[in-house]
Amino acid sequence: MGDGQALAGLEIAVIVPCYNEVVAVGKVVSELRVALPSATIYVYDNNSSDETAGKARAAGAIVRHVPRKGKGNVIRRAFADVEADVYVLIDGDDTYDAACAGDLVLALLDGPHDQVVGVRQHSSVAAYRPGHTLGNRLLTGAAGTLFGREITDMLSGYRAFSRRYVKSFPALSREFEIETELTIHSLHLRVPVAEIPVGYKERPDGGESKLRTYRDGLRILHWILSLTRLERPTLFHGFLAGLLGILALVLGLPVVLEYLDTGLVPRFPTAILASSIGLIAILILSLGYLLDAIGRSRQEAARLTYLRQPAPPHLPAVSSAR
């Protein structure tokens, strides 16, 4: 049984965020139409200054416009507007192998999973520079450590999703942090996730990368820390409280020892400072526990929102189609 027959009856939406991708978007849409003939392809033009929208429309895509800049803003709008059983997300710059779109969808249904991540397999340094590779590994490792589960390629922009994943996703980030948020949402909900290798190549001639290594790397790291504060408040505030507790101990221990030895406290300012820092540490730790209790309520609400949506369809014939 072929892929098209296995996916018959499913409503599949492919979302292609684009900003000034006139060179590549037509090829991406054409390859997606071959890979997923029954899918509806949506190109979301993020206020491009070139003919990206016209090129995508000529290739057969439905074009929608998001004037507010940022990939996160585009995905937030697309996930809210588009109704489907299965969603595929792919960049419009022709760096990902669009022919693998059917493999991602089949892997999603074969689980069934709620998210399938396309792990980039690149053969040239130009496609994925060493600095980006190192940054991806560091950020992926940090997220795995914080949330207790490893993802091979956290920053991949090529993914497939179930409806219940998309409709429970808050989409809070504005720009390139969106891939981090997509990954952490699955870790937070502990939903079934799969990974498959996908080809990744250099941009075509005339294409320009929108990614800025250091700026976007720092932004993603900031997003991880922010999510840690929100999702793991006991860990975050406990760490801060521990640092302040150590400082209070360093300042206050000599004062206590001197008091035990002489019965006097000649350094009152130091004693007051150490006591104040110690009290602040206790308050921060208490705040962490309070936020953790509130966070559990938020997690329960997110889980209930997730469960309100229908489960991804599981097609027994899919396994034999691969």
Protein backbone atom coordinates (compact mmCIF):
# COMPACT_ATOMS: atom_id res chain seq x y z
CA MET A 1 0.00 0.00 0.00
CA GLY A 2 1.46 3.41 -0.97
CA ASP A 3 1.78 6.44 1.26
CA GLY A 4 -1.11 8.23 -0.46
CA GLN A 5 -3.45 5.29 0.10
CA ALA A 6 -2.36 4.92 3.74
CA LEU A 7 -3.07 8.61 4.37
CA ALA A 8 -6.38 8.71 2.50
CA GLY A 9 -9.16 10.36 4.47
CA LEU A 10 -6.79 12.30 6.70
CA GLU A 11 -6.83 16.07 6.70
CA ILE A 12 -3.15 17.05 6.54
CA ALA A 13 -1.98 20.66 6.72
CA VAL A 14 1.57 21.71 5.87
CA ILE A 15 2.61 25.06 7.36
CA VAL A 16 5.50 26.86 5.66
CA PRO A 17 6.69 30.07 7.41
CA CYS A 18 8.42 32.39 4.93
CA TYR A 19 10.22 35.70 4.94
CA ASN A 20 11.83 36.80 1.66
CA GLU A 21 12.11 33.27 0.25
CA VAL A 22 11.22 33.98 -3.39
CA VAL A 23 14.24 31.94 -4.53
CA ALA A 24 13.23 28.77 -2.70
CA VAL A 25 9.55 28.70 -1.80
CA GLY A 26 8.26 27.55 -5.20
CA LYS A 27 10.49 24.48 -5.15
CA VAL A 28 9.54 23.67 -1.55
CA VAL A 29 5.81 23.84 -2.31
CA SER A 30 6.19 21.73 -5.47
CA GLU A 31 8.13 19.03 -3.61
CA LEU A 32 5.58 19.02 -0.79
CA ARG A 33 2.74 18.52 -3.25
CA VAL A 34 4.53 15.44 -4.60
CA ALA A 35 5.37 14.08 -1.13
CA LEU A 36 1.89 14.68 0.30
CA PRO A 37 -0.58 14.92 -2.60
CA SER A 38 -3.64 15.07 -0.34
CA ALA A 39 -2.26 17.77 1.97
CA THR A 40 -3.25 21.43 2.01
CA ILE A 41 -0.13 23.59 1.91
CA TYR A 42 -0.24 26.93 3.70
CA VAL A 43 2.54 29.44 3.11
CA TYR A 44 2.54 32.10 5.83
CA ASP A 45 4.25 35.18 4.44
CA ASN A 46 5.84 37.12 7.30
CA ASN A 47 5.74 40.59 5.72
CA SER A 48 8.19 39.77 2.91
CA SER A 49 9.52 42.58 0.74
CA ASP A 50 9.96 40.35 -2.33
CA GLU A 51 7.57 38.19 -4.40
CA THR A 52 7.48 35.27 -1.96
CA ALA A 53 3.67 35.30 -1.75
CA GLY A 54 3.17 35.34 -5.51
CA LYS A 55 5.70 32.56 -6.08
CA ALA A 56 4.07 30.37 -3.43
CA ARG A 57 0.59 30.99 -4.83
CA ALA A 58 1.74 30.13 -8.34
CA ALA A 59 3.16 26.83 -7.03
CA GLY A 60 -0.24 25.87 -5.60
CA ALA A 61 -0.08 26.96 -1.97
CA ILE A 62 -2.68 28.85 0.04
CA VAL A 63 -0.96 32.09 1.06
CA ARG A 64 -1.73 33.89 4.28
CA HIS A 65 -0.05 36.96 5.70
CA VAL A 66 1.28 37.68 9.19
CA PRO A 67 2.54 41.28 9.40
CA ARG A 68 4.10 40.97 12.86
CA LYS A 69 7.71 39.84 12.36
CA GLY A 70 8.99 36.63 13.92
CA LYS A 71 8.67 32.91 13.25
CA GLY A 72 6.99 32.39 16.61
CA ASN A 73 4.30 34.90 15.68
CA VAL A 74 3.72 33.06 12.40
CA ILE A 75 3.32 29.65 14.05
CA ARG A 76 1.08 31.10 16.75
CA ARG A 77 -1.26 32.43 14.06
CA ALA A 78 -1.09 29.29 11.89
CA PHE A 79 -1.81 26.90 14.77
CA ALA A 80 -4.80 29.02 15.77
CA ASP A 81 -6.25 29.31 12.26
CA VAL A 82 -5.61 25.98 10.54
CA GLU A 83 -7.85 22.98 11.24
CA ALA A 84 -6.49 19.51 10.41
CA ASP A 85 -5.89 16.00 11.76
CA VAL A 86 -2.13 16.15 11.18
CA TYR A 87 0.18 19.14 10.85
CA VAL A 88 3.60 19.37 9.22
CA LEU A 89 5.92 22.31 9.83
CA ILE A 90 8.80 23.06 7.46
CA ASP A 91 10.83 26.17 6.65
CA GLY A 92 10.42 27.69 3.21
CA ASP A 93 14.14 28.12 2.52
CA ASP A 94 14.70 24.74 0.79
CA THR A 95 17.23 23.53 3.36
CA TYR A 96 15.12 20.61 4.59
CA ASP A 97 14.33 17.64 2.35
CA ALA A 98 10.64 18.23 1.59
CA ALA A 99 10.39 14.72 0.13
CA CYS A 100 10.58 13.36 3.70
CA ALA A 101 7.26 14.97 4.68
CA GLY A 102 5.35 11.75 4.09
CA ASP A 103 7.82 9.83 6.27
CA LEU A 104 7.21 12.24 9.15
CA VAL A 105 3.44 11.81 8.86
CA LEU A 106 3.67 8.03 8.67
CA ALA A 107 5.95 7.95 11.72
CA LEU A 108 3.45 10.14 13.58
CA LEU A 109 0.57 7.77 12.83
CA ASP A 110 2.59 4.60 13.31
CA GLY A 111 3.11 5.34 17.02
CA PRO A 112 0.77 6.99 17.26
CA HIS A 113 2.89 9.94 18.40
CA ASP A 114 2.03 13.53 19.10
CA GLN A 115 5.22 14.95 17.64
CA VAL A 116 7.83 13.66 15.19
CA VAL A 117 11.05 15.66 14.91
CA GLY A 118 13.13 15.62 11.74
CA VAL A 119 16.73 15.24 12.93
CA ARG A 120 18.98 17.06 10.48
CA GLN A 121 21.58 15.02 8.61
CA HIS A 122 23.94 17.43 6.85
CA SER A 123 26.88 16.57 4.64
CA SER A 124 28.60 19.95 4.34
CA VAL A 125 29.91 22.59 6.73
CA ALA A 126 28.16 25.28 4.68
CA ALA A 127 24.77 23.71 5.42
CA TYR A 128 25.18 23.79 9.19
CA ARG A 129 28.12 25.77 10.52
CA PRO A 130 30.18 24.39 13.46
CA GLY A 131 29.05 27.24 15.71
CA HIS A 132 25.40 26.36 15.10
CA THR A 133 26.12 22.67 15.70
CA LEU A 134 27.82 23.40 19.03
CA GLY A 135 25.06 25.79 20.10
CA ASN A 136 22.39 23.24 19.24
CA ARG A 137 24.15 20.56 21.27
CA LEU A 138 24.55 22.85 24.29
CA LEU A 139 20.95 24.04 24.23
CA THR A 140 19.59 20.55 23.58
CA GLY A 141 21.67 19.19 26.45
CA ALA A 142 20.51 21.97 28.76
CA ALA A 143 16.84 21.29 27.99
CA GLY A 144 17.35 17.54 28.46
CA THR A 145 19.00 18.11 31.84
CA LEU A 146 16.31 20.50 33.04
CA PHE A 147 13.32 18.51 31.85
CA GLY A 148 14.62 14.96 32.22
CA ARG A 149 14.40 13.77 28.64
CA GLU A 150 16.76 14.06 25.70
CA ILE A 151 15.88 15.30 22.23
CA THR A 152 18.53 14.86 19.55
CA ASP A 153 17.84 18.04 17.54
CA MET A 154 15.90 20.52 19.64
CA LEU A 155 16.17 23.35 17.10
CA SER A 156 14.93 21.45 14.07
CA GLY A 157 12.29 23.35 12.12
CA TYR A 158 10.95 20.22 10.39
CA ARG A 159 8.26 18.46 12.43
CA ALA A 160 4.91 16.70 12.32
CA PHE A 161 2.23 17.10 14.99
CA SER A 162 -1.08 15.65 16.04
CA ARG A 163 -4.10 17.91 16.33
CA ARG A 164 -4.21 17.65 20.13
CA TYR A 165 -0.57 18.72 20.35
CA VAL A 166 -1.13 21.79 18.16
CA LYS A 167 -4.35 22.88 19.84
CA SER A 168 -2.86 22.62 23.33
CA PHE A 169 0.34 24.48 22.40
CA PRO A 170 0.39 28.02 23.90
CA ALA A 171 2.93 29.51 21.40
CA LEU A 172 4.31 32.21 23.68
CA SER A 173 7.62 32.88 21.91
CA ARG A 174 7.94 35.44 19.14
CA GLU A 175 10.94 34.50 17.03
CA PHE A 176 13.40 31.62 16.59
CA GLU A 177 12.84 30.41 20.16
CA ILE A 178 9.69 28.71 18.86
CA GLU A 179 11.48 25.39 18.21
CA THR A 180 12.67 25.37 21.82
CA GLU A 181 9.12 25.97 23.03
CA LEU A 182 7.77 23.23 20.75
CA THR A 183 10.27 20.78 22.22
CA ILE A 184 9.71 21.76 25.84
CA HIS A 185 5.92 21.57 25.45
CA SER A 186 6.27 17.87 24.61
CA LEU A 187 8.64 17.33 27.54
CA HIS A 188 6.27 19.18 29.84
CA LEU A 189 3.20 17.14 28.80
CA ARG A 190 5.25 13.90 28.53
CA VAL A 191 3.59 13.02 25.23
CA PRO A 192 4.95 10.34 22.88
CA VAL A 193 7.62 11.79 20.58
CA ALA A 194 9.62 10.16 17.78
CA GLU A 195 12.61 11.26 15.71
CA ILE A 196 13.58 10.36 12.18
CA PRO A 197 16.59 11.52 10.13
CA VAL A 198 15.95 14.05 7.37
CA GLY A 199 18.26 15.58 4.80
CA TYR A 200 19.54 19.09 5.42
CA LYS A 201 21.44 21.13 2.82
CA GLU A 202 22.84 24.54 2.11
CA ARG A 203 20.51 27.32 1.08
CA PRO A 204 20.10 27.83 -2.66
CA ASP A 205 22.04 30.64 -4.34
CA GLY A 206 20.42 33.95 -3.60
CA GLY A 207 18.89 32.81 -0.31
CA GLU A 208 19.85 34.56 2.90
CA SER A 209 19.75 33.03 6.37
CA LYS A 210 17.62 34.89 8.91
CA LEU A 211 19.40 33.16 11.81
CA ARG A 212 21.99 35.18 13.73
CA THR A 213 24.20 32.74 15.63
CA TYR A 214 25.02 34.68 18.79
CA ARG A 215 21.91 36.83 19.06
CA ASP A 216 19.48 33.97 18.53
CA GLY A 217 21.58 31.56 20.60
CA LEU A 218 21.45 33.94 23.58
CA ARG A 219 17.74 34.45 23.02
CA ILE A 220 17.08 30.70 23.06
CA LEU A 221 19.21 30.27 26.19
CA HIS A 222 17.23 33.08 27.84
CA TRP A 223 14.02 31.29 26.82
CA ILE A 224 15.22 28.04 28.42
CA LEU A 225 16.00 29.87 31.65
CA SER A 226 12.62 31.60 31.56
CA LEU A 227 10.83 28.30 31.02
CA THR A 228 12.84 26.78 33.85
CA ARG A 229 11.65 29.58 36.12
CA LEU A 230 8.06 28.95 35.05
CA GLU A 231 8.03 25.15 34.75
CA ARG A 232 10.61 24.18 37.40
CA PRO A 233 10.25 26.96 39.98
CA THR A 234 11.47 24.84 42.91
CA LEU A 235 14.72 24.11 41.06
CA PHE A 236 15.17 27.69 39.87
CA HIS A 237 14.36 29.40 43.17
CA GLY A 238 16.10 26.69 45.16
CA PHE A 239 19.32 27.39 43.27
CA LEU A 240 19.04 31.14 43.96
CA ALA A 241 18.17 30.51 47.60
CA GLY A 242 21.17 28.18 47.91
CA LEU A 243 23.55 30.83 46.57
CA LEU A 244 22.17 33.43 48.98
CA GLY A 245 22.29 30.92 51.82
CA ILE A 246 25.97 30.27 51.18
CA LEU A 247 26.66 34.02 51.10
CA ALA A 248 24.78 34.50 54.38
CA LEU A 249 26.76 31.65 55.92
CA VAL A 250 30.10 33.10 54.75
CA LEU A 251 29.22 36.50 56.21
CA GLY A 252 27.51 35.31 59.37
CA LEU A 253 29.63 32.35 60.50
CA PRO A 254 32.60 34.48 61.69
CA VAL A 255 30.18 36.69 63.64
CA VAL A 256 28.60 33.64 65.31
CA LEU A 257 31.98 32.11 66.15
CA GLU A 258 33.15 35.40 67.63
CA TYR A 259 30.01 35.63 69.74
CA LEU A 260 30.49 32.07 71.03
CA ASP A 261 34.09 32.88 71.88
CA THR A 262 33.70 36.34 73.47
CA GLY A 263 29.97 36.77 74.09
CA LEU A 264 30.10 39.97 72.07
CA VAL A 265 28.85 41.00 68.62
CA PRO A 266 31.11 43.90 67.62
CA ARG A 267 30.24 43.70 63.90
CA PHE A 268 26.54 44.53 64.02
CA PRO A 269 26.27 45.67 60.36
CA THR A 270 27.71 42.35 59.16
CA ALA A 271 25.37 40.42 61.45
CA ILE A 272 22.35 42.37 60.20
CA LEU A 273 23.42 41.91 56.57
CA ALA A 274 23.92 38.15 56.99
CA SER A 275 20.56 37.80 58.73
CA SER A 276 18.80 39.80 56.01
CA ILE A 277 20.34 37.71 53.23
CA GLY A 278 19.37 34.53 55.08
CA LEU A 279 15.76 35.72 55.39
CA ILE A 280 15.68 36.64 51.68
CA ALA A 281 16.95 33.13 50.84
CA ILE A 282 14.14 31.59 52.91
CA LEU A 283 11.56 33.81 51.19
CA ILE A 284 12.87 32.92 47.72
CA LEU A 285 12.75 29.21 48.56
CA SER A 286 9.20 29.57 49.89
CA LEU A 287 8.23 31.43 46.71
CA GLY A 288 9.61 28.52 44.67
CA TYR A 289 7.41 26.03 46.51
CA LEU A 290 4.37 28.30 46.12
CA LEU A 291 4.97 28.72 42.38
CA ASP A 292 5.46 24.98 42.07
CA ALA A 293 1.99 24.40 43.50
CA ILE A 294 0.54 26.97 41.08
CA GLY A 295 2.51 25.37 38.23
CA ARG A 296 0.97 21.99 38.96
CA SER A 297 -2.46 23.53 38.48
CA ARG A 298 -1.31 24.99 35.16
CA GLN A 299 0.05 21.59 34.10
CA GLU A 300 -3.26 19.95 34.93
CA ALA A 301 -5.10 22.58 32.86
CA ALA A 302 -2.72 22.08 29.92
CA ARG A 303 -3.14 18.32 30.15
CA LEU A 304 -6.93 18.61 30.18
CA THR A 305 -6.81 20.90 27.13
CA TYR A 306 -4.64 18.32 25.40
CA LEU A 307 -7.04 15.49 26.27
CA ARG A 308 -10.06 17.37 24.95
CA GLN A 309 -8.75 16.98 21.42
CA PRO A 310 -9.09 13.68 19.53
CA ALA A 311 -6.14 11.28 19.66
CA PRO A 312 -4.03 10.95 16.50
CA PRO A 313 -5.45 8.26 14.22
CA HIS A 314 -3.61 4.96 14.29
CA LEU A 315 -3.62 3.17 10.97
CA PRO A 316 -2.48 -0.46 11.13
CA ALA A 317 -1.74 -0.37 7.43
CA VAL A 318 0.83 2.38 7.93
CA SER A 319 3.54 0.01 9.19
CA SER A 320 3.34 -2.10 6.05
CA ALA A 321 3.44 0.98 3.90
CA ARG A 322 6.87 2.06 5.11
